């Protein structure tokens, strides 16, 4: 198990074995995702959004940009 100490400024140094396992380096983004009250998951946020393509299988139906814009406009008008 790897441990780190919180500084008075609220900073920690991520142990090298954790950095290597997550493949993160200086300047990379990480996220703290709450998975339960008082429990967080530390996740590397270095993946490109394009890697999410196909995550849920093929699209069941396609929607045109025009249809999306019309739905947004309709919803925006209803909110006023």
PDB file of N, CA and C in Angstrom:
ATOM      1  N   UNK A   1       0.854  -1.171   0.000  1.00  0.00           N
ATOM      2  CA  UNK A   1       0.000   0.000   0.000  1.00  0.00           C
ATOM      3  C   UNK A   1       0.898   1.232   0.000  1.00  0.00           C
ATOM      4  N   UNK A   2       0.556   2.206  -0.822  1.00  0.00           N
ATOM      5  CA  UNK A   2       1.287   3.462  -0.885  1.00  0.00           C
ATOM      6  C   UNK A   2       0.593   4.502  -0.020  1.00  0.00           C
ATOM      7  N   UNK A   3       1.379   5.333   0.638  1.00  0.00           N
ATOM      8  CA  UNK A   3       0.811   6.393   1.463  1.00  0.00           C
ATOM      9  C   UNK A   3       1.478   7.711   1.118  1.00  0.00           C
ATOM     10  N   UNK A   4       0.817   8.802   1.463  1.00  0.00           N
ATOM     11  CA  UNK A   4       1.345  10.146   1.258  1.00  0.00           C
ATOM     12  C   UNK A   4       0.904  10.995   2.440  1.00  0.00           C
ATOM     13  N   UNK A   5       1.625  12.085   2.672  1.00  0.00           N
ATOM     14  CA  UNK A   5       1.309  12.986   3.772  1.00  0.00           C
ATOM     15  C   UNK A   5       0.798  14.305   3.220  1.00  0.00           C
ATOM     16  N   UNK A   6      -0.278  14.801   3.784  1.00  0.00           N
ATOM     17  CA  UNK A   6      -0.860  16.078   3.390  1.00  0.00           C
ATOM     18  C   UNK A   6      -0.067  17.212   4.025  1.00  0.00           C
ATOM     19  N   UNK A   7       0.327  18.207   3.209  1.00  0.00           N
ATOM     20  CA  UNK A   7       1.069  19.345   3.743  1.00  0.00           C
ATOM     21  C   UNK A   7       0.101  20.385   4.297  1.00  0.00           C
ATOM     22  N   UNK A   8       0.646  21.392   4.951  1.00  0.00           N
ATOM     23  CA  UNK A   8      -0.195  22.461   5.503  1.00  0.00           C
ATOM     24  C   UNK A   8      -0.899  23.247   4.407  1.00  0.00           C
ATOM     25  N   UNK A   9      -0.403  23.165   3.180  1.00  0.00           N
ATOM     26  CA  UNK A   9      -1.033  23.842   2.036  1.00  0.00           C
ATOM     27  C   UNK A   9      -2.067  22.950   1.345  1.00  0.00           C
ATOM     28  N   UNK A  10      -2.297  21.762   1.882  1.00  0.00           N
ATOM     29  CA  UNK A  10      -3.276  20.852   1.290  1.00  0.00           C
ATOM     30  C   UNK A  10      -2.733  20.089   0.100  1.00  0.00           C
ATOM     31  N   UNK A  11      -1.433  19.948  -0.006  1.00  0.00           N
ATOM     32  CA  UNK A  11      -0.820  19.261  -1.135  1.00  0.00           C
ATOM     33  C   UNK A  11      -0.292  17.899  -0.713  1.00  0.00           C
ATOM     34  N   UNK A  12      -0.224  16.981  -1.685  1.00  0.00           N
ATOM     35  CA  UNK A  12       0.395  15.681  -1.448  1.00  0.00           C
ATOM     36  C   UNK A  12       1.330  15.384  -2.612  1.00  0.00           C
ATOM     37  N   UNK A  13       2.285  14.530  -2.371  1.00  0.00           N
ATOM     38  CA  UNK A  13       3.131  14.004  -3.437  1.00  0.00           C
ATOM     39  C   UNK A  13       2.643  12.596  -3.720  1.00  0.00           C
ATOM     40  N   UNK A  14       2.285  12.344  -4.954  1.00  0.00           N
ATOM     41  CA  UNK A  14       1.788  11.023  -5.330  1.00  0.00           C
ATOM     42  C   UNK A  14       2.991  10.087  -5.427  1.00  0.00           C
ATOM     43  N   UNK A  15       2.977   8.977  -4.717  1.00  0.00           N
ATOM     44  CA  UNK A  15       4.108   8.051  -4.761  1.00  0.00           C
ATOM     45  C   UNK A  15       4.423   7.603  -6.192  1.00  0.00           C
ATOM     46  N   UNK A  16       5.698   7.410  -6.464  1.00  0.00           N
ATOM     47  CA  UNK A  16       6.153   7.095  -7.818  1.00  0.00           C
ATOM     48  C   UNK A  16       5.481   5.846  -8.383  1.00  0.00           C
ATOM     49  N   UNK A  17       5.264   4.822  -7.545  1.00  0.00           N
ATOM     50  CA  UNK A  17       4.635   3.602  -8.073  1.00  0.00           C
ATOM     51  C   UNK A  17       3.191   3.857  -8.502  1.00  0.00           C
ATOM     52  N   UNK A  18       2.505   4.766  -7.825  1.00  0.00           N
ATOM     53  CA  UNK A  18       1.134   5.126  -8.198  1.00  0.00           C
ATOM     54  C   UNK A  18       1.158   5.935  -9.499  1.00  0.00           C
ATOM     55  N   UNK A  19       2.070   6.894  -9.597  1.00  0.00           N
ATOM     56  CA  UNK A  19       2.197   7.689 -10.830  1.00  0.00           C
ATOM     57  C   UNK A  19       2.500   6.792 -12.022  1.00  0.00           C
ATOM     58  N   UNK A  20       3.392   5.847 -11.829  1.00  0.00           N
ATOM     59  CA  UNK A  20       3.741   4.929 -12.920  1.00  0.00           C
ATOM     60  C   UNK A  20       2.561   4.062 -13.318  1.00  0.00           C
ATOM     61  N   UNK A  21       1.831   3.549 -12.327  1.00  0.00           N
ATOM     62  CA  UNK A  21       0.680   2.686 -12.603  1.00  0.00           C
ATOM     63  C   UNK A  21      -0.420   3.447 -13.340  1.00  0.00           C
ATOM     64  N   UNK A  22      -0.651   4.718 -12.948  1.00  0.00           N
ATOM     65  CA  UNK A  22      -1.677   5.538 -13.601  1.00  0.00           C
ATOM     66  C   UNK A  22      -1.186   6.199 -14.888  1.00  0.00           C
ATOM     67  N   UNK A  23       0.117   6.085 -15.126  1.00  0.00           N
ATOM     68  CA  UNK A  23       0.733   6.706 -16.305  1.00  0.00           C
ATOM     69  C   UNK A  23       0.491   8.220 -16.320  1.00  0.00           C
ATOM     70  N   UNK A  24       0.715   8.864 -15.179  1.00  0.00           N
ATOM     71  CA  UNK A  24       0.591  10.315 -15.085  1.00  0.00           C
ATOM     72  C   UNK A  24       1.959  10.919 -14.838  1.00  0.00           C
ATOM     73  N   UNK A  25       2.098  12.151 -15.298  1.00  0.00           N
ATOM     74  CA  UNK A  25       3.360  12.871 -15.167  1.00  0.00           C
ATOM     75  C   UNK A  25       3.043  14.313 -14.798  1.00  0.00           C
ATOM     76  N   UNK A  26       4.064  15.089 -14.537  1.00  0.00           N
ATOM     77  CA  UNK A  26       3.881  16.494 -14.174  1.00  0.00           C
ATOM     78  C   UNK A  26       3.009  17.198 -15.210  1.00  0.00           C
ATOM     79  N   UNK A  27       2.007  17.928 -14.747  1.00  0.00           N
ATOM     80  CA  UNK A  27       1.109  18.665 -15.632  1.00  0.00           C
ATOM     81  C   UNK A  27      -0.140  17.905 -16.038  1.00  0.00           C
ATOM     82  N   UNK A  28      -0.180  16.593 -15.806  1.00  0.00           N
ATOM     83  CA  UNK A  28      -1.374  15.810 -16.145  1.00  0.00           C
ATOM     84  C   UNK A  28      -2.485  16.100 -15.139  1.00  0.00           C
ATOM     85  N   UNK A  29      -3.716  15.934 -15.586  1.00  0.00           N
ATOM     86  CA  UNK A  29      -4.874  16.169 -14.719  1.00  0.00           C
ATOM     87  C   UNK A  29      -5.311  14.858 -14.075  1.00  0.00           C
ATOM     88  N   UNK A  30      -5.788  14.976 -12.849  1.00  0.00           N
ATOM     89  CA  UNK A  30      -6.379  13.847 -12.150  1.00  0.00           C
ATOM     90  C   UNK A  30      -7.713  14.299 -11.570  1.00  0.00           C
ATOM     91  N   UNK A  31      -8.584  13.355 -11.309  1.00  0.00           N
ATOM     92  CA  UNK A  31      -9.896  13.663 -10.744  1.00  0.00           C
ATOM     93  C   UNK A  31     -10.090  12.861  -9.468  1.00  0.00           C
ATOM     94  N   UNK A  32     -10.842  13.429  -8.553  1.00  0.00           N
ATOM     95  CA  UNK A  32     -11.240  12.748  -7.335  1.00  0.00           C
ATOM     96  C   UNK A  32     -12.741  12.508  -7.452  1.00  0.00           C
ATOM     97  N   UNK A  33     -13.136  11.262  -7.608  1.00  0.00           N
ATOM     98  CA  UNK A  33     -14.530  10.897  -7.840  1.00  0.00           C
ATOM     99  C   UNK A  33     -15.078  10.288  -6.561  1.00  0.00           C
ATOM    100  N   UNK A  34     -16.156  10.905  -6.017  1.00  0.00           N
ATOM    101  CA  UNK A  34     -16.756  10.368  -4.799  1.00  0.00           C
ATOM    102  C   UNK A  34     -17.536   9.108  -5.136  1.00  0.00           C
ATOM    103  N   UNK A  35     -17.176   8.019  -4.484  1.00  0.00           N
ATOM    104  CA  UNK A  35     -17.861   6.749  -4.741  1.00  0.00           C
ATOM    105  C   UNK A  35     -18.770   6.357  -3.579  1.00  0.00           C
ATOM    106  N   UNK A  36     -18.598   7.003  -2.434  1.00  0.00           N
ATOM    107  CA  UNK A  36     -19.440   6.811  -1.255  1.00  0.00           C
ATOM    108  C   UNK A  36     -19.114   7.955  -0.301  1.00  0.00           C
ATOM    109  N   UNK A  37     -19.979   8.241   0.653  1.00  0.00           N
ATOM    110  CA  UNK A  37     -19.658   9.301   1.608  1.00  0.00           C
ATOM    111  C   UNK A  37     -18.319   9.029   2.306  1.00  0.00           C
ATOM    112  N   UNK A  38     -17.407   9.984   2.197  1.00  0.00           N
ATOM    113  CA  UNK A  38     -16.096   9.840   2.822  1.00  0.00           C
ATOM    114  C   UNK A  38     -15.132   8.941   2.070  1.00  0.00           C
ATOM    115  N   UNK A  39     -15.500   8.531   0.851  1.00  0.00           N
ATOM    116  CA  UNK A  39     -14.642   7.619   0.065  1.00  0.00           C
ATOM    117  C   UNK A  39     -14.535   8.143  -1.361  1.00  0.00           C
ATOM    118  N   UNK A  40     -13.302   8.319  -1.824  1.00  0.00           N
ATOM    119  CA  UNK A  40     -13.048   8.863  -3.156  1.00  0.00           C
ATOM    120  C   UNK A  40     -12.153   7.934  -3.955  1.00  0.00           C
ATOM    121  N   UNK A  41     -12.309   8.016  -5.256  1.00  0.00           N
ATOM    122  CA  UNK A  41     -11.448   7.286  -6.167  1.00  0.00           C
ATOM    123  C   UNK A  41     -10.587   8.306  -6.891  1.00  0.00           C
ATOM    124  N   UNK A  42      -9.308   8.053  -6.991  1.00  0.00           N
ATOM    125  CA  UNK A  42      -8.342   8.929  -7.633  1.00  0.00           C
ATOM    126  C   UNK A  42      -8.151   8.421  -9.062  1.00  0.00           C
ATOM    127  N   UNK A  43      -8.496   9.229 -10.058  1.00  0.00           N
ATOM    128  CA  UNK A  43      -8.521   8.771 -11.443  1.00  0.00           C
ATOM    129  C   UNK A  43      -7.694   9.687 -12.317  1.00  0.00           C
ATOM    130  N   UNK A  44      -6.861   9.111 -13.164  1.00  0.00           N
ATOM    131  CA  UNK A  44      -6.105   9.902 -14.131  1.00  0.00           C
ATOM    132  C   UNK A  44      -7.065  10.398 -15.199  1.00  0.00           C
ATOM    133  N   UNK A  45      -7.011  11.684 -15.488  1.00  0.00           N
ATOM    134  CA  UNK A  45      -7.899  12.282 -16.492  1.00  0.00           C
ATOM    135  C   UNK A  45      -7.080  12.648 -17.727  1.00  0.00           C
ATOM    136  N   UNK A  46      -6.274  11.709 -18.184  1.00  0.00           N
ATOM    137  CA  UNK A  46      -5.369  11.985 -19.293  1.00  0.00           C
ATOM    138  C   UNK A  46      -5.849  11.428 -20.624  1.00  0.00           C
ATOM    139  N   UNK A  47      -6.919  10.653 -20.625  1.00  0.00           N
ATOM    140  CA  UNK A  47      -7.407  10.052 -21.866  1.00  0.00           C
ATOM    141  C   UNK A  47      -8.108  11.089 -22.733  1.00  0.00           C
ATOM    142  N   UNK A  48      -8.006  10.900 -24.028  1.00  0.00           N
ATOM    143  CA  UNK A  48      -8.691  11.760 -24.980  1.00  0.00           C
ATOM    144  C   UNK A  48     -10.162  11.373 -25.028  1.00  0.00           C
ATOM    145  N   UNK A  49     -11.020  12.353 -25.231  1.00  0.00           N
ATOM    146  CA  UNK A  49     -12.457  12.097 -25.288  1.00  0.00           C
ATOM    147  C   UNK A  49     -12.804  11.172 -26.458  1.00  0.00           C
ATOM    148  N   UNK A  50     -11.995  11.172 -27.503  1.00  0.00           N
ATOM    149  CA  UNK A  50     -12.270  10.314 -28.660  1.00  0.00           C
ATOM    150  C   UNK A  50     -12.180   8.826 -28.309  1.00  0.00           C
ATOM    151  N   UNK A  51     -11.503   8.487 -27.197  1.00  0.00           N
ATOM    152  CA  UNK A  51     -11.429   7.086 -26.787  1.00  0.00           C
ATOM    153  C   UNK A  51     -12.766   6.569 -26.282  1.00  0.00           C
ATOM    154  N   UNK A  52     -13.712   7.480 -26.009  1.00  0.00           N
ATOM    155  CA  UNK A  52     -15.038   7.073 -25.529  1.00  0.00           C
ATOM    156  C   UNK A  52     -15.942   6.606 -26.662  1.00  0.00           C
ATOM    157  N   UNK A  53     -15.554   6.907 -27.902  1.00  0.00           N
ATOM    158  CA  UNK A  53     -16.384   6.541 -29.050  1.00  0.00           C
ATOM    159  C   UNK A  53     -16.623   5.030 -29.068  1.00  0.00           C
ATOM    160  N   UNK A  54     -17.869   4.643 -29.218  1.00  0.00           N
ATOM    161  CA  UNK A  54     -18.234   3.239 -29.285  1.00  0.00           C
ATOM    162  C   UNK A  54     -18.395   2.574 -27.931  1.00  0.00           C
ATOM    163  N   UNK A  55     -18.267   3.340 -26.877  1.00  0.00           N
ATOM    164  CA  UNK A  55     -18.334   2.787 -25.532  1.00  0.00           C
ATOM    165  C   UNK A  55     -19.672   2.097 -25.256  1.00  0.00           C
ATOM    166  N   UNK A  56     -20.749   2.604 -25.846  1.00  0.00           N
ATOM    167  CA  UNK A  56     -22.081   2.053 -25.613  1.00  0.00           C
ATOM    168  C   UNK A  56     -22.609   1.308 -26.830  1.00  0.00           C
ATOM    169  N   UNK A  57     -21.748   0.913 -27.734  1.00  0.00           N
ATOM    170  CA  UNK A  57     -22.159   0.205 -28.930  1.00  0.00           C
ATOM    171  C   UNK A  57     -22.612   1.172 -30.005  1.00  0.00           C
ATOM    172  N   UNK A  58     -23.094   0.643 -31.115  1.00  0.00           N
ATOM    173  CA  UNK A  58     -23.525   1.517 -32.207  1.00  0.00           C
ATOM    174  C   UNK A  58     -24.764   2.322 -31.826  1.00  0.00           C
ATOM    175  N   UNK A  59     -24.875   3.502 -32.413  1.00  0.00           N
ATOM    176  CA  UNK A  59     -26.020   4.374 -32.138  1.00  0.00           C
ATOM    177  C   UNK A  59     -27.302   3.705 -32.619  1.00  0.00           C
ATOM    178  N   UNK A  60     -28.357   3.810 -31.821  1.00  0.00           N
ATOM    179  CA  UNK A  60     -29.639   3.216 -32.199  1.00  0.00           C
ATOM    180  C   UNK A  60     -30.328   4.060 -33.260  1.00  0.00           C
ATOM    181  N   UNK A  61     -30.073   5.374 -33.209  1.00  0.00           N
ATOM    182  CA  UNK A  61     -30.600   6.263 -34.240  1.00  0.00           C
ATOM    183  C   UNK A  61     -29.671   7.461 -34.319  1.00  0.00           C
ATOM    184  N   UNK A  62     -29.641   8.078 -35.467  1.00  0.00           N
ATOM    185  CA  UNK A  62     -28.807   9.265 -35.633  1.00  0.00           C
ATOM    186  C   UNK A  62     -29.688  10.504 -35.539  1.00  0.00           C
ATOM    187  N   UNK A  63     -29.081  11.575 -35.073  1.00  0.00           N
ATOM    188  CA  UNK A  63     -29.782  12.846 -34.931  1.00  0.00           C
ATOM    189  C   UNK A  63     -28.955  13.905 -35.641  1.00  0.00           C
ATOM    190  N   UNK A  64     -29.613  14.691 -36.483  1.00  0.00           N
ATOM    191  CA  UNK A  64     -28.890  15.719 -37.218  1.00  0.00           C
ATOM    192  C   UNK A  64     -28.608  16.923 -36.319  1.00  0.00           C
ATOM    193  N   UNK A  65     -27.638  17.707 -36.708  1.00  0.00           N
ATOM    194  CA  UNK A  65     -27.311  18.945 -35.985  1.00  0.00           C
ATOM    195  C   UNK A  65     -28.522  19.869 -35.972  1.00  0.00           C
ATOM    196  N   UNK A  66     -29.235  19.914 -37.082  1.00  0.00           N
ATOM    197  CA  UNK A  66     -30.421  20.771 -37.177  1.00  0.00           C
ATOM    198  C   UNK A  66     -31.474  20.354 -36.155  1.00  0.00           C
ATOM    199  N   UNK A  67     -31.683  19.044 -35.996  1.00  0.00           N
ATOM    200  CA  UNK A  67     -32.645  18.543 -35.014  1.00  0.00           C
ATOM    201  C   UNK A  67     -32.211  18.880 -33.593  1.00  0.00           C
ATOM    202  N   UNK A  68     -30.904  18.744 -33.322  1.00  0.00           N
ATOM    203  CA  UNK A  68     -30.386  19.090 -31.993  1.00  0.00           C
ATOM    204  C   UNK A  68     -30.585  20.575 -31.707  1.00  0.00           C
ATOM    205  N   UNK A  69     -30.249  21.421 -32.695  1.00  0.00           N
ATOM    206  CA  UNK A  69     -30.404  22.868 -32.513  1.00  0.00           C
ATOM    207  C   UNK A  69     -31.872  23.245 -32.294  1.00  0.00           C
ATOM    208  N   UNK A  70     -32.773  22.597 -33.015  1.00  0.00           N
ATOM    209  CA  UNK A  70     -34.196  22.880 -32.850  1.00  0.00           C
ATOM    210  C   UNK A  70     -34.673  22.480 -31.448  1.00  0.00           C
ATOM    211  N   UNK A  71     -34.229  21.336 -30.960  1.00  0.00           N
ATOM    212  CA  UNK A  71     -34.610  20.880 -29.622  1.00  0.00           C
ATOM    213  C   UNK A  71     -34.055  21.821 -28.552  1.00  0.00           C
ATOM    214  N   UNK A  72     -32.828  22.292 -28.736  1.00  0.00           N
ATOM    215  CA  UNK A  72     -32.215  23.225 -27.784  1.00  0.00           C
ATOM    216  C   UNK A  72     -32.980  24.544 -27.780  1.00  0.00           C
ATOM    217  N   UNK A  73     -33.311  25.042 -28.979  1.00  0.00           N
ATOM    218  CA  UNK A  73     -34.054  26.304 -29.085  1.00  0.00           C
ATOM    219  C   UNK A  73     -35.433  26.182 -28.446  1.00  0.00           C
ATOM    220  N   UNK A  74     -36.104  25.065 -28.689  1.00  0.00           N
ATOM    221  CA  UNK A  74     -37.441  24.848 -28.119  1.00  0.00           C
ATOM    222  C   UNK A  74     -37.367  24.811 -26.595  1.00  0.00           C
ATOM    223  N   UNK A  75     -36.404  24.101 -26.069  1.00  0.00           N
ATOM    224  CA  UNK A  75     -36.254  23.991 -24.616  1.00  0.00           C
ATOM    225  C   UNK A  75     -35.865  25.347 -24.008  1.00  0.00           C
ATOM    226  N   UNK A  76     -35.003  26.081 -24.701  1.00  0.00           N
ATOM    227  CA  UNK A  76     -34.590  27.392 -24.221  1.00  0.00           C
ATOM    228  C   UNK A  76     -35.755  28.376 -24.189  1.00  0.00           C
ATOM    229  N   UNK A  77     -36.611  28.320 -25.204  1.00  0.00           N
ATOM    230  CA  UNK A  77     -37.772  29.198 -25.274  1.00  0.00           C
ATOM    231  C   UNK A  77     -38.771  28.856 -24.164  1.00  0.00           C
ATOM    232  N   UNK A  78     -38.900  27.563 -23.837  1.00  0.00           N
ATOM    233  CA  UNK A  78     -39.839  27.132 -22.807  1.00  0.00           C
ATOM    234  C   UNK A  78     -39.349  27.537 -21.407  1.00  0.00           C
ATOM    235  N   UNK A  79     -38.052  27.727 -21.247  1.00  0.00           N
ATOM    236  CA  UNK A  79     -37.504  28.071 -19.939  1.00  0.00           C
ATOM    237  C   UNK A  79     -37.700  29.539 -19.582  1.00  0.00           C
ATOM    238  N   UNK A  80     -38.020  30.338 -20.569  1.00  0.00           N
ATOM    239  CA  UNK A  80     -38.176  31.784 -20.306  1.00  0.00           C
ATOM    240  C   UNK A  80     -39.476  32.092 -19.737  1.00  0.00           C
TER     241      UNK A  80
END
